Amino acid sequence: MSQTAPPYVEGHNLLAGKTVLITAAAGTGIGFSAAKRCIEEGARVFISDVHERRLAEAVAELEKVGDQPVGSRICNVTQEEDVQGLVDAAIAEMGHIDVLINNAGLGGEVPLVDMTDEQWNLVMDITVTGTMRMTRAALKHMYTRKSGAIINNASVVGWRAQKGQCHYAAAKAGVMALTRCSALEAADYGIRINAVSPSLAMHKFLAKVTTDELLAELTKKEAFGRAAEVWEVANVMVMLASDYTSYMTGEIVSVSSQRA
């Protein structure tokens, strides 16, 4: 039976005094919602995206939320120089990075027999290799401070089979494995790395690129009979970024029913 979304949760200063860097935070998706939630929880935020106009619009909206400056920089996570420039810019503006939220990713639907190398490689490069590049750059900074938290955005398809998703599912499974292995290395320096695994989080862009039939089919698999609000996924990211999860690392936290 379908249920309605719960009321929006107000901030409780869970990230008071922390600095947060978020990739792919423009638009209406999980990244923007994560930035908004972090500000509402008391954090100072620096965001990036590949879309210049949407990034500027996101900054303007976010600055209304917390009545404070929001740093930003264009970044293509497939380009190492962009990644290094982003991390350097965030450190220069905020002094240091307490939290990195790796939200950049690329999906799409295509049967494996029709998939080109270019389609496969692009999804892999943005979704898993881009997450690796950002994590690598941030860890070099966090290691010197012996402090920090990284939250990756995985997906239910890293566990669950779905037609037309071979490239995306493989990439998100890679994000999960990257999360677990890098977490063990980072633990030696007091740094935590975890991931969220959302299934269906509704926003305008998803509705534009997904058929109504597929959305209805996916919705039926959800325990609550509805898609998640993007802020419900962002809330879990905030929890993982906060000191309330000080003994959690290498975990993939489901934000969905996970039913196949």
Protein backbone atom coordinates (compact mmCIF):
# COMPACT_ATOMS: atom_id res chain seq x y z
CA MET A 1 0.00 0.00 0.00
CA SER A 2 1.35 3.40 -0.97
CA GLN A 3 2.14 5.84 1.81
CA THR A 4 2.68 9.57 1.73
CA ALA A 5 6.05 11.13 2.50
CA PRO A 6 6.61 12.18 6.13
CA PRO A 7 7.03 15.83 7.16
CA TYR A 8 10.36 17.45 6.39
CA VAL A 9 12.80 17.03 9.28
CA GLU A 10 14.18 20.24 10.75
CA GLY A 11 17.89 20.63 11.48
CA HIS A 12 19.42 19.69 14.84
CA ASN A 13 22.95 21.11 14.42
CA LEU A 14 24.38 17.65 13.78
CA LEU A 15 27.15 19.16 11.64
CA ALA A 16 27.72 22.37 13.57
CA GLY A 17 31.15 23.81 12.80
CA LYS A 18 31.98 21.24 10.10
CA THR A 19 33.02 21.95 6.52
CA VAL A 20 31.52 19.86 3.72
CA LEU A 21 32.50 19.40 0.06
CA ILE A 22 29.85 17.91 -2.24
CA THR A 23 30.13 16.88 -5.89
CA ALA A 24 27.26 17.01 -8.43
CA ALA A 25 25.24 19.30 -6.17
CA ALA A 26 23.41 21.40 -8.77
CA GLY A 27 19.87 20.69 -9.90
CA THR A 28 17.11 18.95 -7.99
CA GLY A 29 18.70 15.65 -7.00
CA ILE A 30 20.31 14.07 -3.97
CA GLY A 31 23.45 16.24 -4.19
CA PHE A 32 21.59 19.54 -3.91
CA SER A 33 19.40 18.17 -1.13
CA ALA A 34 22.51 16.96 0.72
CA ALA A 35 24.01 20.44 0.50
CA LYS A 36 20.80 21.99 1.80
CA ARG A 37 20.54 19.50 4.66
CA CYS A 38 24.19 20.05 5.63
CA ILE A 39 23.63 23.80 5.83
CA GLU A 40 20.48 23.26 7.90
CA GLU A 41 22.56 21.08 10.23
CA GLY A 42 25.08 23.88 10.81
CA ALA A 43 27.81 23.05 8.28
CA ARG A 44 29.68 25.34 5.93
CA VAL A 45 29.36 23.99 2.39
CA PHE A 46 31.37 24.04 -0.86
CA ILE A 47 29.71 22.50 -3.92
CA SER A 48 30.69 21.50 -7.46
CA ASP A 49 29.04 20.39 -10.68
CA VAL A 50 29.76 20.26 -14.41
CA HIS A 51 26.81 22.52 -15.27
CA GLU A 52 27.86 26.15 -14.84
CA ARG A 53 24.41 27.75 -14.95
CA ARG A 54 22.79 25.17 -12.69
CA LEU A 55 25.71 25.44 -10.26
CA ALA A 56 25.26 29.20 -9.99
CA GLU A 57 21.51 28.74 -9.44
CA ALA A 58 22.19 26.14 -6.74
CA VAL A 59 24.58 28.48 -4.93
CA ALA A 60 21.99 31.27 -4.97
CA GLU A 61 19.33 28.97 -3.50
CA LEU A 62 21.63 27.52 -0.87
CA GLU A 63 22.82 30.92 0.32
CA LYS A 64 19.20 31.74 1.17
CA VAL A 65 19.01 28.67 3.40
CA GLY A 66 21.83 29.46 5.78
CA ASP A 67 22.37 33.16 5.17
CA GLN A 68 26.06 32.49 4.59
CA PRO A 69 28.39 32.24 1.56
CA VAL A 70 28.45 28.93 -0.31
CA GLY A 71 31.64 28.17 -2.20
CA SER A 72 31.54 26.56 -5.63
CA ARG A 73 33.70 25.44 -8.53
CA ILE A 74 33.05 23.71 -11.83
CA CYS A 75 34.44 20.18 -11.73
CA ASN A 76 34.40 17.25 -14.12
CA VAL A 77 35.36 14.26 -11.98
CA THR A 78 36.78 12.46 -15.03
CA GLN A 79 39.57 15.07 -15.15
CA GLU A 80 42.28 14.77 -12.50
CA GLU A 81 43.20 18.45 -12.79
CA ASP A 82 39.57 19.42 -12.10
CA VAL A 83 39.49 17.19 -9.05
CA GLN A 84 42.71 18.61 -7.63
CA GLY A 85 41.54 22.14 -8.38
CA LEU A 86 38.25 21.52 -6.59
CA VAL A 87 39.85 20.13 -3.45
CA ASP A 88 42.42 22.93 -3.38
CA ALA A 89 39.71 25.58 -3.84
CA ALA A 90 37.56 24.11 -1.07
CA ILE A 91 40.53 24.07 1.33
CA ALA A 92 41.50 27.62 0.37
CA GLU A 93 37.98 28.90 1.06
CA MET A 94 36.99 26.85 4.11
CA GLY A 95 40.42 26.18 5.66
CA HIS A 96 40.00 22.41 5.62
CA ILE A 97 37.56 19.67 4.60
CA ASP A 98 35.82 17.74 7.36
CA VAL A 99 33.39 15.87 5.11
CA LEU A 100 33.39 14.83 1.45
CA ILE A 101 30.14 13.66 -0.14
CA ASN A 102 30.78 11.88 -3.44
CA ASN A 103 27.53 12.27 -5.33
CA ALA A 104 28.71 12.42 -8.95
CA GLY A 105 27.48 9.56 -11.09
CA LEU A 106 26.01 8.74 -14.48
CA GLY A 107 23.37 6.18 -15.39
CA GLY A 108 21.34 5.32 -18.44
CA GLU A 109 19.46 2.33 -19.81
CA VAL A 110 20.79 0.18 -22.62
CA PRO A 111 20.88 -3.61 -23.19
CA LEU A 112 24.36 -5.07 -22.92
CA VAL A 113 24.35 -6.35 -26.51
CA ASP A 114 23.75 -2.80 -27.75
CA MET A 115 26.16 -1.12 -25.34
CA THR A 116 29.22 0.55 -26.84
CA ASP A 117 32.62 0.75 -25.20
CA GLU A 118 32.13 4.50 -25.00
CA GLN A 119 28.86 4.15 -23.06
CA TRP A 120 30.42 1.64 -20.67
CA ASN A 121 33.60 3.64 -20.16
CA LEU A 122 31.82 6.95 -19.54
CA VAL A 123 29.57 5.51 -16.82
CA MET A 124 32.56 3.81 -15.20
CA ASP A 125 34.77 6.90 -15.42
CA ILE A 126 32.25 9.24 -13.81
CA THR A 127 30.61 6.90 -11.31
CA VAL A 128 33.39 4.75 -9.86
CA THR A 129 36.68 6.22 -11.09
CA GLY A 130 35.44 9.74 -10.37
CA THR A 131 34.58 8.67 -6.84
CA MET A 132 38.06 7.19 -6.52
CA ARG A 133 39.71 10.40 -7.76
CA MET A 134 37.79 12.56 -5.30
CA THR A 135 38.41 10.16 -2.42
CA ARG A 136 42.12 9.97 -3.20
CA ALA A 137 42.49 13.75 -3.31
CA ALA A 138 40.49 14.31 -0.12
CA LEU A 139 42.29 11.58 1.79
CA LYS A 140 45.68 13.18 1.18
CA HIS A 141 44.33 16.25 2.96
CA MET A 142 42.46 14.34 5.68
CA TYR A 143 45.42 12.07 6.45
CA THR A 144 47.49 15.06 7.55
CA ARG A 145 44.69 16.15 9.89
CA LYS A 146 43.89 12.59 11.06
CA SER A 147 40.24 13.50 10.86
CA GLY A 148 37.41 13.39 8.37
CA ALA A 149 34.46 11.49 6.92
CA ILE A 150 33.63 10.51 3.36
CA ILE A 151 30.17 9.47 2.20
CA ASN A 152 29.72 7.84 -1.20
CA ASN A 153 26.49 7.50 -3.17
CA ALA A 154 26.01 3.89 -4.27
CA SER A 155 22.76 2.34 -5.49
CA VAL A 156 20.43 -0.58 -4.96
CA VAL A 157 21.49 -1.91 -8.37
CA GLY A 158 24.91 -2.61 -6.90
CA TRP A 159 23.07 -5.52 -5.26
CA ARG A 160 19.90 -5.97 -7.29
CA ALA A 161 19.71 -7.13 -10.90
CA GLN A 162 17.92 -4.87 -13.35
CA LYS A 163 17.72 -5.07 -17.15
CA GLY A 164 19.56 -2.40 -19.09
CA GLN A 165 21.76 -1.46 -16.15
CA CYS A 166 24.91 -3.56 -16.65
CA HIS A 167 27.25 -0.54 -16.79
CA TYR A 168 25.59 1.40 -13.97
CA ALA A 169 25.19 -1.64 -11.72
CA ALA A 170 28.82 -2.65 -12.22
CA ALA A 171 29.94 0.90 -11.46
CA LYS A 172 27.84 1.17 -8.29
CA ALA A 173 29.03 -2.25 -7.11
CA GLY A 174 32.50 -0.84 -7.66
CA VAL A 175 31.63 2.15 -5.47
CA MET A 176 30.59 -0.26 -2.73
CA ALA A 177 33.84 -2.21 -2.96
CA LEU A 178 35.86 1.02 -3.10
CA THR A 179 34.05 2.20 0.04
CA ARG A 180 34.86 -0.95 1.98
CA CYS A 181 38.52 -1.21 0.97
CA SER A 182 39.39 2.47 1.29
CA ALA A 183 37.67 2.54 4.69
CA LEU A 184 40.13 0.00 6.06
CA GLU A 185 43.07 2.08 4.86
CA ALA A 186 41.60 5.35 6.14
CA ALA A 187 40.79 3.89 9.55
CA ASP A 188 44.50 3.96 10.41
CA TYR A 189 44.22 7.76 10.24
CA GLY A 190 40.94 8.12 12.16
CA ILE A 191 38.88 8.73 9.01
CA ARG A 192 35.54 7.07 8.27
CA ILE A 193 34.26 6.12 4.79
CA ASN A 194 30.70 4.87 4.30
CA ALA A 195 28.08 4.87 1.55
CA VAL A 196 24.35 5.13 1.11
CA SER A 197 22.49 2.80 -1.25
CA PRO A 198 19.27 4.47 -2.43
CA SER A 199 16.87 2.78 -4.80
CA LEU A 200 14.28 5.22 -6.08
CA ALA A 201 14.56 8.87 -5.05
CA MET A 202 12.20 11.06 -7.03
CA HIS A 203 13.26 14.39 -8.52
CA LYS A 204 12.58 16.36 -11.71
CA PHE A 205 15.56 15.10 -13.68
CA LEU A 206 14.75 11.44 -13.00
CA ALA A 207 11.18 11.98 -14.12
CA LYS A 208 12.43 13.46 -17.40
CA VAL A 209 14.73 10.56 -18.30
CA THR A 210 12.64 7.63 -16.99
CA THR A 211 9.38 6.30 -18.40
CA ASP A 212 6.24 6.36 -16.27
CA GLU A 213 5.97 2.60 -16.73
CA LEU A 214 9.43 1.93 -15.29
CA LEU A 215 8.89 4.34 -12.40
CA ALA A 216 5.62 2.57 -11.56
CA GLU A 217 7.33 -0.83 -11.70
CA LEU A 218 10.18 0.29 -9.45
CA THR A 219 7.80 1.96 -7.01
CA LYS A 220 5.97 -1.35 -6.47
CA LYS A 221 9.22 -2.83 -5.11
CA GLU A 222 9.52 -0.24 -2.36
CA ALA A 223 8.48 -1.17 1.17
CA PHE A 224 6.49 2.06 1.60
CA GLY A 225 4.94 1.85 -1.85
CA ARG A 226 6.45 5.18 -2.88
CA ALA A 227 9.72 6.68 -4.04
CA ALA A 228 11.96 8.30 -1.45
CA GLU A 229 12.14 12.05 -1.22
CA VAL A 230 15.68 13.19 -2.05
CA TRP A 231 15.97 14.74 1.41
CA GLU A 232 15.29 11.35 3.00
CA VAL A 233 18.46 10.03 1.33
CA ALA A 234 20.32 13.21 2.26
CA ASN A 235 19.31 12.73 5.90
CA VAL A 236 21.19 9.42 5.99
CA MET A 237 24.22 11.11 4.44
CA VAL A 238 24.07 13.71 7.22
CA MET A 239 23.92 10.95 9.82
CA LEU A 240 27.00 9.28 8.34
CA ALA A 241 28.82 12.62 8.24
CA SER A 242 27.98 13.37 11.87
CA ASP A 243 29.74 12.30 15.04
CA TYR A 244 26.82 10.01 15.84
CA THR A 245 28.39 7.39 13.54
CA SER A 246 31.91 7.65 14.96
CA TYR A 247 32.30 3.84 15.03
CA MET A 248 30.85 3.15 11.58
CA THR A 249 33.15 2.68 8.61
CA GLY A 250 33.13 0.58 5.45
CA GLU A 251 29.35 0.24 5.64
CA ILE A 252 26.79 0.47 2.84
CA VAL A 253 23.55 1.78 4.33
CA SER A 254 20.35 0.91 2.51
CA VAL A 255 17.83 3.71 1.96
CA SER A 256 15.26 1.46 0.35
CA SER A 257 13.49 -1.87 0.68
CA GLN A 258 16.26 -3.72 -1.25
CA ARG A 259 13.75 -6.24 -2.62
CA ALA A 260 14.78 -7.89 -5.91
